[in-house]
Amino acid sequence: DLEQDQRIDVLNGFASGRIPVMVATDVLSRGIDIDT
């Protein structure tokens, strides 16, 4: 339900550690490139 730019903001916040917990649907099960 999020726009692509909103998803990118969430991913950037998670990758940077600003957002320590992410609740995600299968939309995120593939293609995420976060090593931490």
Full PDB file with SEQRES, HELIX, SHEET, SSBOND, CRYST1, ORIGX, SCALE, CONECT and MASTER records, all heavy atoms in Angstrom:
SEQRES   1 A   36  ASP LEU GLU GLN ASP GLN ARG ILE ASP VAL LEU ASN GLY          
SEQRES   2 A   36  PHE ALA SER GLY ARG ILE PRO VAL MET VAL ALA THR ASP          
SEQRES   3 A   36  VAL LEU SER ARG GLY ILE ASP ILE ASP THR                      
HELIX    1 AA1 GLN A    4  SER A   16  1                                  13    
HELIX    2 AA2 ASP A   26  LEU A   28  5                                   3    
CRYST1    1.000    1.000    1.000  90.00  90.00  90.00 P 1           1          
ORIGX1      1.000000  0.000000  0.000000        0.00000                         
ORIGX2      0.000000  1.000000  0.000000        0.00000                         
ORIGX3      0.000000  0.000000  1.000000        0.00000                         
SCALE1      1.000000  0.000000  0.000000        0.00000                         
SCALE2      0.000000  1.000000  0.000000        0.00000                         
SCALE3      0.000000  0.000000  1.000000        0.00000                         
ATOM      1  N   ASP A   1       0.808  -1.214   0.000  1.00  0.00           N  
ATOM      2  CA  ASP A   1       0.000   0.000   0.000  1.00  0.00           C  
ATOM      3  C   ASP A   1       0.847   1.272   0.000  1.00  0.00           C  
ATOM      4  O   ASP A   1       0.325   2.365  -0.186  1.00  0.00           O  
ATOM      5  CB  ASP A   1      -0.936   0.021   1.213  1.00  0.00           C  
ATOM      6  CG  ASP A   1      -2.023  -1.033   1.131  1.00  0.00           C  
ATOM      7  OD1 ASP A   1      -2.263  -1.557   0.021  1.00  0.00           O  
ATOM      8  OD2 ASP A   1      -2.629  -1.346   2.176  1.00  0.00           O  
ATOM      9  N   LEU A   2       2.151   1.127   0.222  1.00  0.00           N  
ATOM     10  CA  LEU A   2       3.030   2.298   0.222  1.00  0.00           C  
ATOM     11  C   LEU A   2       3.475   2.623  -1.195  1.00  0.00           C  
ATOM     12  O   LEU A   2       3.678   1.732  -2.012  1.00  0.00           O  
ATOM     13  CB  LEU A   2       4.276   2.037   1.080  1.00  0.00           C  
ATOM     14  CG  LEU A   2       4.084   1.816   2.570  1.00  0.00           C  
ATOM     15  CD1 LEU A   2       5.441   1.560   3.227  1.00  0.00           C  
ATOM     16  CD2 LEU A   2       3.392   2.991   3.224  1.00  0.00           C  
ATOM     17  N   GLU A   3       3.682   3.898  -1.446  1.00  0.00           N  
ATOM     18  CA  GLU A   3       4.274   4.319  -2.712  1.00  0.00           C  
ATOM     19  C   GLU A   3       5.749   3.922  -2.698  1.00  0.00           C  
ATOM     20  O   GLU A   3       6.348   3.762  -1.630  1.00  0.00           O  
ATOM     21  CB  GLU A   3       4.139   5.842  -2.884  1.00  0.00           C  
ATOM     22  CG  GLU A   3       2.710   6.328  -2.949  1.00  0.00           C  
ATOM     23  CD  GLU A   3       1.980   5.841  -4.201  1.00  0.00           C  
ATOM     24  OE1 GLU A   3       2.642   5.673  -5.246  1.00  0.00           O  
ATOM     25  OE2 GLU A   3       0.762   5.629  -4.125  1.00  0.00           O  
ATOM     26  N   GLN A   4       6.345   3.791  -3.851  1.00  0.00           N  
ATOM     27  CA  GLN A   4       7.735   3.364  -3.946  1.00  0.00           C  
ATOM     28  C   GLN A   4       8.677   4.285  -3.175  1.00  0.00           C  
ATOM     29  O   GLN A   4       9.587   3.821  -2.498  1.00  0.00           O  
ATOM     30  CB  GLN A   4       8.178   3.252  -5.409  1.00  0.00           C  
ATOM     31  CG  GLN A   4       9.569   2.703  -5.584  1.00  0.00           C  
ATOM     32  CD  GLN A   4       9.742   1.284  -5.049  1.00  0.00           C  
ATOM     33  OE1 GLN A   4       8.812   0.498  -4.998  1.00  0.00           O  
ATOM     34  NE2 GLN A   4      10.963   0.962  -4.641  1.00  0.00           N  
ATOM     35  N   ASP A   5       8.454   5.597  -3.238  1.00  0.00           N  
ATOM     36  CA  ASP A   5       9.341   6.511  -2.508  1.00  0.00           C  
ATOM     37  C   ASP A   5       9.200   6.336  -0.997  1.00  0.00           C  
ATOM     38  O   ASP A   5      10.175   6.477  -0.253  1.00  0.00           O  
ATOM     39  CB  ASP A   5       9.121   7.969  -2.927  1.00  0.00           C  
ATOM     40  CG  ASP A   5       7.711   8.467  -2.693  1.00  0.00           C  
ATOM     41  OD1 ASP A   5       6.762   7.658  -2.722  1.00  0.00           O  
ATOM     42  OD2 ASP A   5       7.551   9.689  -2.494  1.00  0.00           O  
ATOM     43  N   GLN A   6       7.996   5.983  -0.527  1.00  0.00           N  
ATOM     44  CA  GLN A   6       7.805   5.707   0.898  1.00  0.00           C  
ATOM     45  C   GLN A   6       8.556   4.431   1.298  1.00  0.00           C  
ATOM     46  O   GLN A   6       9.171   4.374   2.367  1.00  0.00           O  
ATOM     47  CB  GLN A   6       6.316   5.549   1.220  1.00  0.00           C  
ATOM     48  CG  GLN A   6       5.522   6.827   1.062  1.00  0.00           C  
ATOM     49  CD  GLN A   6       4.029   6.577   1.222  1.00  0.00           C  
ATOM     50  OE1 GLN A   6       3.452   5.722   0.554  1.00  0.00           O  
ATOM     51  NE2 GLN A   6       3.420   7.314   2.143  1.00  0.00           N  
ATOM     52  N   ARG A   7       8.496   3.402   0.451  1.00  0.00           N  
ATOM     53  CA  ARG A   7       9.234   2.166   0.726  1.00  0.00           C  
ATOM     54  C   ARG A   7      10.727   2.442   0.807  1.00  0.00           C  
ATOM     55  O   ARG A   7      11.424   1.931   1.684  1.00  0.00           O  
ATOM     56  CB  ARG A   7       8.975   1.126  -0.374  1.00  0.00           C  
ATOM     57  CG  ARG A   7       7.583   0.569  -0.373  1.00  0.00           C  
ATOM     58  CD  ARG A   7       7.463  -0.494  -1.444  1.00  0.00           C  
ATOM     59  NE  ARG A   7       6.066  -0.685  -1.792  1.00  0.00           N  
ATOM     60  CZ  ARG A   7       5.653  -1.402  -2.799  1.00  0.00           C  
ATOM     61  NH1 ARG A   7       6.522  -2.011  -3.603  1.00  0.00           N  
ATOM     62  NH2 ARG A   7       4.369  -1.548  -3.043  1.00  0.00           N  
ATOM     63  N   ILE A   8      11.224   3.259  -0.107  1.00  0.00           N  
ATOM     64  CA  ILE A   8      12.654   3.597  -0.108  1.00  0.00           C  
ATOM     65  C   ILE A   8      13.030   4.331   1.174  1.00  0.00           C  
ATOM     66  O   ILE A   8      14.074   4.052   1.779  1.00  0.00           O  
ATOM     67  CB  ILE A   8      13.016   4.413  -1.363  1.00  0.00           C  
ATOM     68  CG1 ILE A   8      12.931   3.508  -2.601  1.00  0.00           C  
ATOM     69  CG2 ILE A   8      14.408   5.035  -1.234  1.00  0.00           C  
ATOM     70  CD1 ILE A   8      13.008   4.237  -3.925  1.00  0.00           C  
ATOM     71  N   ASP A   9      12.177   5.258   1.628  1.00  0.00           N  
ATOM     72  CA  ASP A   9      12.435   5.977   2.888  1.00  0.00           C  
ATOM     73  C   ASP A   9      12.509   5.001   4.063  1.00  0.00           C  
ATOM     74  O   ASP A   9      13.386   5.113   4.920  1.00  0.00           O  
ATOM     75  CB  ASP A   9      11.351   7.024   3.148  1.00  0.00           C  
ATOM     76  CG  ASP A   9      11.463   8.227   2.242  1.00  0.00           C  
ATOM     77  OD1 ASP A   9      12.527   8.408   1.600  1.00  0.00           O  
ATOM     78  OD2 ASP A   9      10.470   8.992   2.164  1.00  0.00           O  
ATOM     79  N   VAL A  10      11.583   4.043   4.112  1.00  0.00           N  
ATOM     80  CA  VAL A  10      11.580   3.055   5.193  1.00  0.00           C  
ATOM     81  C   VAL A  10      12.855   2.212   5.131  1.00  0.00           C  
ATOM     82  O   VAL A  10      13.526   2.004   6.145  1.00  0.00           O  
ATOM     83  CB  VAL A  10      10.328   2.153   5.133  1.00  0.00           C  
ATOM     84  CG1 VAL A  10      10.443   0.974   6.087  1.00  0.00           C  
ATOM     85  CG2 VAL A  10       9.070   2.962   5.437  1.00  0.00           C  
ATOM     86  N   LEU A  11      13.198   1.730   3.953  1.00  0.00           N  
ATOM     87  CA  LEU A  11      14.415   0.918   3.800  1.00  0.00           C  
ATOM     88  C   LEU A  11      15.664   1.696   4.186  1.00  0.00           C  
ATOM     89  O   LEU A  11      16.557   1.161   4.858  1.00  0.00           O  
ATOM     90  CB  LEU A  11      14.539   0.397   2.369  1.00  0.00           C  
ATOM     91  CG  LEU A  11      13.588  -0.730   2.000  1.00  0.00           C  
ATOM     92  CD1 LEU A  11      13.666  -1.025   0.504  1.00  0.00           C  
ATOM     93  CD2 LEU A  11      13.881  -1.977   2.803  1.00  0.00           C  
ATOM     94  N   ASN A  12      15.737   2.964   3.794  1.00  0.00           N  
ATOM     95  CA  ASN A  12      16.888   3.790   4.162  1.00  0.00           C  
ATOM     96  C   ASN A  12      16.963   3.996   5.675  1.00  0.00           C  
ATOM     97  O   ASN A  12      18.041   3.945   6.262  1.00  0.00           O  
ATOM     98  CB  ASN A  12      16.848   5.136   3.447  1.00  0.00           C  
ATOM     99  CG  ASN A  12      17.184   5.018   1.977  1.00  0.00           C  
ATOM    100  OD1 ASN A  12      17.806   4.053   1.539  1.00  0.00           O  
ATOM    101  ND2 ASN A  12      16.746   6.001   1.202  1.00  0.00           N  
ATOM    102  N   GLY A  13      15.812   4.211   6.306  1.00  0.00           N  
ATOM    103  CA  GLY A  13      15.777   4.362   7.762  1.00  0.00           C  
ATOM    104  C   GLY A  13      16.197   3.095   8.475  1.00  0.00           C  
ATOM    105  O   GLY A  13      16.909   3.126   9.487  1.00  0.00           O  
ATOM    106  N   PHE A  14      15.791   1.951   7.948  1.00  0.00           N  
ATOM    107  CA  PHE A  14      16.170   0.665   8.528  1.00  0.00           C  
ATOM    108  C   PHE A  14      17.661   0.399   8.320  1.00  0.00           C  
ATOM    109  O   PHE A  14      18.381   0.024   9.250  1.00  0.00           O  
ATOM    110  CB  PHE A  14      15.319  -0.446   7.919  1.00  0.00           C  
ATOM    111  CG  PHE A  14      15.554  -1.796   8.534  1.00  0.00           C  
ATOM    112  CD1 PHE A  14      15.068  -2.092   9.798  1.00  0.00           C  
ATOM    113  CD2 PHE A  14      16.258  -2.757   7.849  1.00  0.00           C  
ATOM    114  CE1 PHE A  14      15.286  -3.329  10.370  1.00  0.00           C  
ATOM    115  CE2 PHE A  14      16.474  -4.009   8.405  1.00  0.00           C  
ATOM    116  CZ  PHE A  14      15.995  -4.302   9.673  1.00  0.00           C  
ATOM    117  N   ALA A  15      18.140   0.608   7.110  1.00  0.00           N  
ATOM    118  CA  ALA A  15      19.550   0.356   6.788  1.00  0.00           C  
ATOM    119  C   ALA A  15      20.480   1.239   7.614  1.00  0.00           C  
ATOM    120  O   ALA A  15      21.571   0.817   8.006  1.00  0.00           O  
ATOM    121  CB  ALA A  15      19.800   0.560   5.300  1.00  0.00           C  
ATOM    122  N   SER A  16      20.051   2.460   7.905  1.00  0.00           N  
ATOM    123  CA  SER A  16      20.889   3.389   8.671  1.00  0.00           C  
ATOM    124  C   SER A  16      20.823   3.124  10.170  1.00  0.00           C  
ATOM    125  O   SER A  16      21.612   3.688  10.930  1.00  0.00           O  
ATOM    126  CB  SER A  16      20.452   4.829   8.401  1.00  0.00           C  
ATOM    127  OG  SER A  16      19.190   5.087   9.016  1.00  0.00           O  
ATOM    128  N   GLY A  17      19.863   2.302  10.608  1.00  0.00           N  
ATOM    129  CA  GLY A  17      19.702   2.035  12.032  1.00  0.00           C  
ATOM    130  C   GLY A  17      18.751   2.989  12.726  1.00  0.00           C  
ATOM    131  O   GLY A  17      18.453   2.837  13.906  1.00  0.00           O  
ATOM    132  N   ARG A  18      18.284   4.000  11.995  1.00  0.00           N  
ATOM    133  CA  ARG A  18      17.326   4.950  12.580  1.00  0.00           C  
ATOM    134  C   ARG A  18      16.025   4.252  12.944  1.00  0.00           C  
ATOM    135  O   ARG A  18      15.372   4.595  13.921  1.00  0.00           O  
ATOM    136  CB  ARG A  18      17.077   6.086  11.583  1.00  0.00           C  
ATOM    137  CG  ARG A  18      16.257   7.231  12.128  1.00  0.00           C  
ATOM    138  CD  ARG A  18      16.184   8.393  11.138  1.00  0.00           C  
ATOM    139  NE  ARG A  18      16.026   8.026   9.745  1.00  0.00           N  
ATOM    140  CZ  ARG A  18      14.857   7.740   9.154  1.00  0.00           C  
ATOM    141  NH1 ARG A  18      13.743   7.775   9.846  1.00  0.00           N  
ATOM    142  NH2 ARG A  18      14.812   7.427   7.865  1.00  0.00           N  
ATOM    143  N   ILE A  19      15.638   3.245  12.157  1.00  0.00           N  
ATOM    144  CA  ILE A  19      14.455   2.424  12.416  1.00  0.00           C  
ATOM    145  C   ILE A  19      14.965   1.010  12.690  1.00  0.00           C  
ATOM    146  O   ILE A  19      15.380   0.316  11.779  1.00  0.00           O  
ATOM    147  CB  ILE A  19      13.496   2.418  11.211  1.00  0.00           C  
ATOM    148  CG1 ILE A  19      13.033   3.835  10.881  1.00  0.00           C  
ATOM    149  CG2 ILE A  19      12.310   1.507  11.476  1.00  0.00           C  
ATOM    150  CD1 ILE A  19      12.305   3.937   9.547  1.00  0.00           C  
ATOM    151  N   PRO A  20      14.976   0.583  13.966  1.00  0.00           N  
ATOM    152  CA  PRO A  20      15.567  -0.718  14.285  1.00  0.00           C  
ATOM    153  C   PRO A  20      14.679  -1.928  13.978  1.00  0.00           C  
ATOM    154  O   PRO A  20      15.184  -3.034  13.847  1.00  0.00           O  
ATOM    155  CB  PRO A  20      15.843  -0.624  15.780  1.00  0.00           C  
ATOM    156  CG  PRO A  20      14.886   0.390  16.289  1.00  0.00           C  
ATOM    157  CD  PRO A  20      14.648   1.358  15.154  1.00  0.00           C  
ATOM    158  N   VAL A  21      13.363  -1.705  13.855  1.00  0.00           N  
ATOM    159  CA  VAL A  21      12.428  -2.810  13.621  1.00  0.00           C  
ATOM    160  C   VAL A  21      11.558  -2.481  12.425  1.00  0.00           C  
ATOM    161  O   VAL A  21      10.979  -1.399  12.347  1.00  0.00           O  
ATOM    162  CB  VAL A  21      11.530  -3.065  14.858  1.00  0.00           C  
ATOM    163  CG1 VAL A  21      10.523  -4.171  14.591  1.00  0.00           C  
ATOM    164  CG2 VAL A  21      12.374  -3.393  16.087  1.00  0.00           C  
ATOM    165  N   MET A  22      11.469  -3.448  11.520  1.00  0.00           N  
ATOM    166  CA  MET A  22      10.607  -3.274  10.353  1.00  0.00           C  
ATOM    167  C   MET A  22       9.601  -4.416  10.312  1.00  0.00           C  
ATOM    168  O   MET A  22       9.975  -5.577  10.446  1.00  0.00           O  
ATOM    169  CB  MET A  22      11.430  -3.262   9.071  1.00  0.00           C  
ATOM    170  CG  MET A  22      10.595  -2.957   7.858  1.00  0.00           C  
ATOM    171  SD  MET A  22      11.503  -2.713   6.305  1.00  0.00           S  
ATOM    172  CE  MET A  22      13.186  -3.056   6.659  1.00  0.00           C  
ATOM    173  N   VAL A  23       8.348  -4.077  10.134  1.00  0.00           N  
ATOM    174  CA  VAL A  23       7.281  -5.063   9.949  1.00  0.00           C  
ATOM    175  C   VAL A  23       6.953  -5.038   8.464  1.00  0.00           C  
ATOM    176  O   VAL A  23       6.604  -3.990   7.921  1.00  0.00           O  
ATOM    177  CB  VAL A  23       6.034  -4.717  10.794  1.00  0.00           C  
ATOM    178  CG1 VAL A  23       4.923  -5.718  10.554  1.00  0.00           C  
ATOM    179  CG2 VAL A  23       6.388  -4.655  12.278  1.00  0.00           C  
ATOM    180  N   ALA A  24       7.099  -6.198   7.817  1.00  0.00           N  
ATOM    181  CA  ALA A  24       6.976  -6.216   6.362  1.00  0.00           C  
ATOM    182  C   ALA A  24       6.151  -7.395   5.872  1.00  0.00           C  
ATOM    183  O   ALA A  24       6.117  -8.447   6.498  1.00  0.00           O  
ATOM    184  CB  ALA A  24       8.361  -6.277   5.736  1.00  0.00           C  
ATOM    185  N   THR A  25       5.513  -7.192   4.754  1.00  0.00           N  
ATOM    186  CA  THR A  25       4.824  -8.280   4.073  1.00  0.00           C  
ATOM    187  C   THR A  25       5.809  -8.927   3.104  1.00  0.00           C  
ATOM    188  O   THR A  25       6.975  -8.546   3.032  1.00  0.00           O  
ATOM    189  CB  THR A  25       3.606  -7.753   3.284  1.00  0.00           C  
ATOM    190  OG1 THR A  25       4.083  -6.831   2.296  1.00  0.00           O  
ATOM    191  CG2 THR A  25       2.601  -7.069   4.195  1.00  0.00           C  
ATOM    192  N   ASP A  26       5.331  -9.886   2.335  1.00  0.00           N  
ATOM    193  CA  ASP A  26       6.188 -10.556   1.361  1.00  0.00           C  
ATOM    194  C   ASP A  26       6.737  -9.617   0.301  1.00  0.00           C  
ATOM    195  O   ASP A  26       7.638  -9.990  -0.440  1.00  0.00           O  
ATOM    196  CB  ASP A  26       5.430 -11.693   0.661  1.00  0.00           C  
ATOM    197  CG  ASP A  26       5.500 -12.974   1.454  1.00  0.00           C  
ATOM    198  OD1 ASP A  26       6.363 -13.092   2.332  1.00  0.00           O  
ATOM    199  OD2 ASP A  26       4.684 -13.873   1.182  1.00  0.00           O  
ATOM    200  N   VAL A  27       6.243  -8.396   0.230  1.00  0.00           N  
ATOM    201  CA  VAL A  27       6.769  -7.436  -0.735  1.00  0.00           C  
ATOM    202  C   VAL A  27       8.271  -7.241  -0.501  1.00  0.00           C  
ATOM    203  O   VAL A  27       9.013  -6.883  -1.400  1.00  0.00           O  
ATOM    204  CB  VAL A  27       6.004  -6.089  -0.661  1.00  0.00           C  
ATOM    205  CG1 VAL A  27       6.349  -5.302   0.580  1.00  0.00           C  
ATOM    206  CG2 VAL A  27       6.243  -5.246  -1.894  1.00  0.00           C  
ATOM    207  N   LEU A  28       8.729  -7.568   0.702  1.00  0.00           N  
ATOM    208  CA  LEU A  28      10.124  -7.354   1.058  1.00  0.00           C  
ATOM    209  C   LEU A  28      10.951  -8.633   1.073  1.00  0.00           C  
ATOM    210  O   LEU A  28      12.148  -8.594   1.297  1.00  0.00           O  
ATOM    211  CB  LEU A  28      10.200  -6.691   2.437  1.00  0.00           C  
ATOM    212  CG  LEU A  28      11.523  -6.047   2.805  1.00  0.00           C  
ATOM    213  CD1 LEU A  28      11.862  -4.929   1.843  1.00  0.00           C  
ATOM    214  CD2 LEU A  28      11.489  -5.550   4.212  1.00  0.00           C  
ATOM    215  N   SER A  29      10.343  -9.789   0.820  1.00  0.00           N  
ATOM    216  CA  SER A  29      11.083 -11.038   0.994  1.00  0.00           C  
ATOM    217  C   SER A  29      12.199 -11.232  -0.027  1.00  0.00           C  
ATOM    218  O   SER A  29      13.134 -11.972   0.223  1.00  0.00           O  
ATOM    219  CB  SER A  29      10.134 -12.233   0.962  1.00  0.00           C  
ATOM    220  OG  SER A  29       9.552 -12.399  -0.310  1.00  0.00           O  
ATOM    221  N   ARG A  30      12.107 -10.588  -1.157  1.00  0.00           N  
ATOM    222  CA  ARG A  30      13.157 -10.713  -2.172  1.00  0.00           C  
ATOM    223  C   ARG A  30      13.652  -9.324  -2.571  1.00  0.00           C  
ATOM    224  O   ARG A  30      12.911  -8.363  -2.573  1.00  0.00           O  
ATOM    225  CB  ARG A  30      12.624 -11.419  -3.416  1.00  0.00           C  
ATOM    226  CG  ARG A  30      12.194 -12.834  -3.142  1.00  0.00           C  
ATOM    227  CD  ARG A  30      11.640 -13.458  -4.408  1.00  0.00           C  
ATOM    228  NE  ARG A  30      11.069 -14.754  -4.121  1.00  0.00           N  
ATOM    229  CZ  ARG A  30      11.489 -15.878  -4.671  1.00  0.00           C  
ATOM    230  NH1 ARG A  30      12.457 -15.864  -5.543  1.00  0.00           N  
ATOM    231  NH2 ARG A  30      10.921 -17.017  -4.359  1.00  0.00           N  
ATOM    232  N   GLY A  31      14.914  -9.270  -2.892  1.00  0.00           N  
ATOM    233  CA  GLY A  31      15.443  -8.036  -3.450  1.00  0.00           C  
ATOM    234  C   GLY A  31      15.936  -7.010  -2.462  1.00  0.00           C  
ATOM    235  O   GLY A  31      16.433  -5.974  -2.873  1.00  0.00           O  
ATOM    236  N   ILE A  32      15.819  -7.265  -1.176  1.00  0.00           N  
ATOM    237  CA  ILE A  32      16.317  -6.294  -0.202  1.00  0.00           C  
ATOM    238  C   ILE A  32      17.835  -6.438  -0.116  1.00  0.00           C  
ATOM    239  O   ILE A  32      18.371  -7.538  -0.067  1.00  0.00           O  
ATOM    240  CB  ILE A  32      15.642  -6.488   1.175  1.00  0.00           C  
ATOM    241  CG1 ILE A  32      16.133  -5.434   2.162  1.00  0.00           C  
ATOM    242  CG2 ILE A  32      15.830  -7.877   1.694  1.00  0.00           C  
ATOM    243  CD1 ILE A  32      15.414  -5.464   3.490  1.00  0.00           C  
ATOM    244  N   ASP A  33      18.540  -5.322  -0.106  1.00  0.00           N  
ATOM    245  CA  ASP A  33      19.992  -5.351  -0.102  1.00  0.00           C  
ATOM    246  C   ASP A  33      20.523  -4.642   1.143  1.00  0.00           C  
ATOM    247  O   ASP A  33      21.111  -3.571   1.062  1.00  0.00           O  
ATOM    248  CB  ASP A  33      20.533  -4.707  -1.378  1.00  0.00           C  
ATOM    249  CG  ASP A  33      22.024  -4.896  -1.540  1.00  0.00           C  
ATOM    250  OD1 ASP A  33      22.560  -5.869  -0.962  1.00  0.00           O  
ATOM    251  OD2 ASP A  33      22.650  -4.076  -2.219  1.00  0.00           O  
ATOM    252  N   ILE A  34      20.253  -5.235   2.301  1.00  0.00           N  
ATOM    253  CA  ILE A  34      20.730  -4.704   3.576  1.00  0.00           C  
ATOM    254  C   ILE A  34      21.493  -5.830   4.264  1.00  0.00           C  
ATOM    255  O   ILE A  34      20.941  -6.885   4.552  1.00  0.00           O  
ATOM    256  CB  ILE A  34      19.563  -4.209   4.461  1.00  0.00           C  
ATOM    257  CG1 ILE A  34      18.793  -3.092   3.747  1.00  0.00           C  
ATOM    258  CG2 ILE A  34      20.082  -3.737   5.819  1.00  0.00           C  
ATOM    259  CD1 ILE A  34      17.538  -2.636   4.453  1.00  0.00           C  
ATOM    260  N   ASP A  35      22.777  -5.601   4.528  1.00  0.00           N  
ATOM    261  CA  ASP A  35      23.633  -6.651   5.071  1.00  0.00           C  
ATOM    262  C   ASP A  35      23.556  -6.808   6.580  1.00  0.00           C  
ATOM    263  O   ASP A  35      24.104  -7.759   7.127  1.00  0.00           O  
ATOM    264  CB  ASP A  35      25.095  -6.380   4.694  1.00  0.00           C  
ATOM    265  CG  ASP A  35      25.334  -6.492   3.206  1.00  0.00           C  
ATOM    266  OD1 ASP A  35      24.560  -7.195   2.531  1.00  0.00           O  
ATOM    267  OD2 ASP A  35      26.294  -5.873   2.721  1.00  0.00           O  
ATOM    268  N   THR A  36      22.911  -5.901   7.283  1.00  0.00           N  
ATOM    269  CA  THR A  36      22.979  -5.887   8.748  1.00  0.00           C  
ATOM    270  C   THR A  36      21.785  -6.525   9.439  1.00  0.00           C  
ATOM    271  O   THR A  36      21.623  -6.358  10.639  1.00  0.00           O  
ATOM    272  CB  THR A  36      23.133  -4.443   9.238  1.00  0.00           C  
ATOM    273  OG1 THR A  36      22.017  -3.676   8.756  1.00  0.00           O  
ATOM    274  CG2 THR A  36      24.429  -3.825   8.769  1.00  0.00           C  
TER     275      THR A  36                                                      
MASTER        0    0    0    2    0    0    0    6  274    1    0    3          
END                                                                             
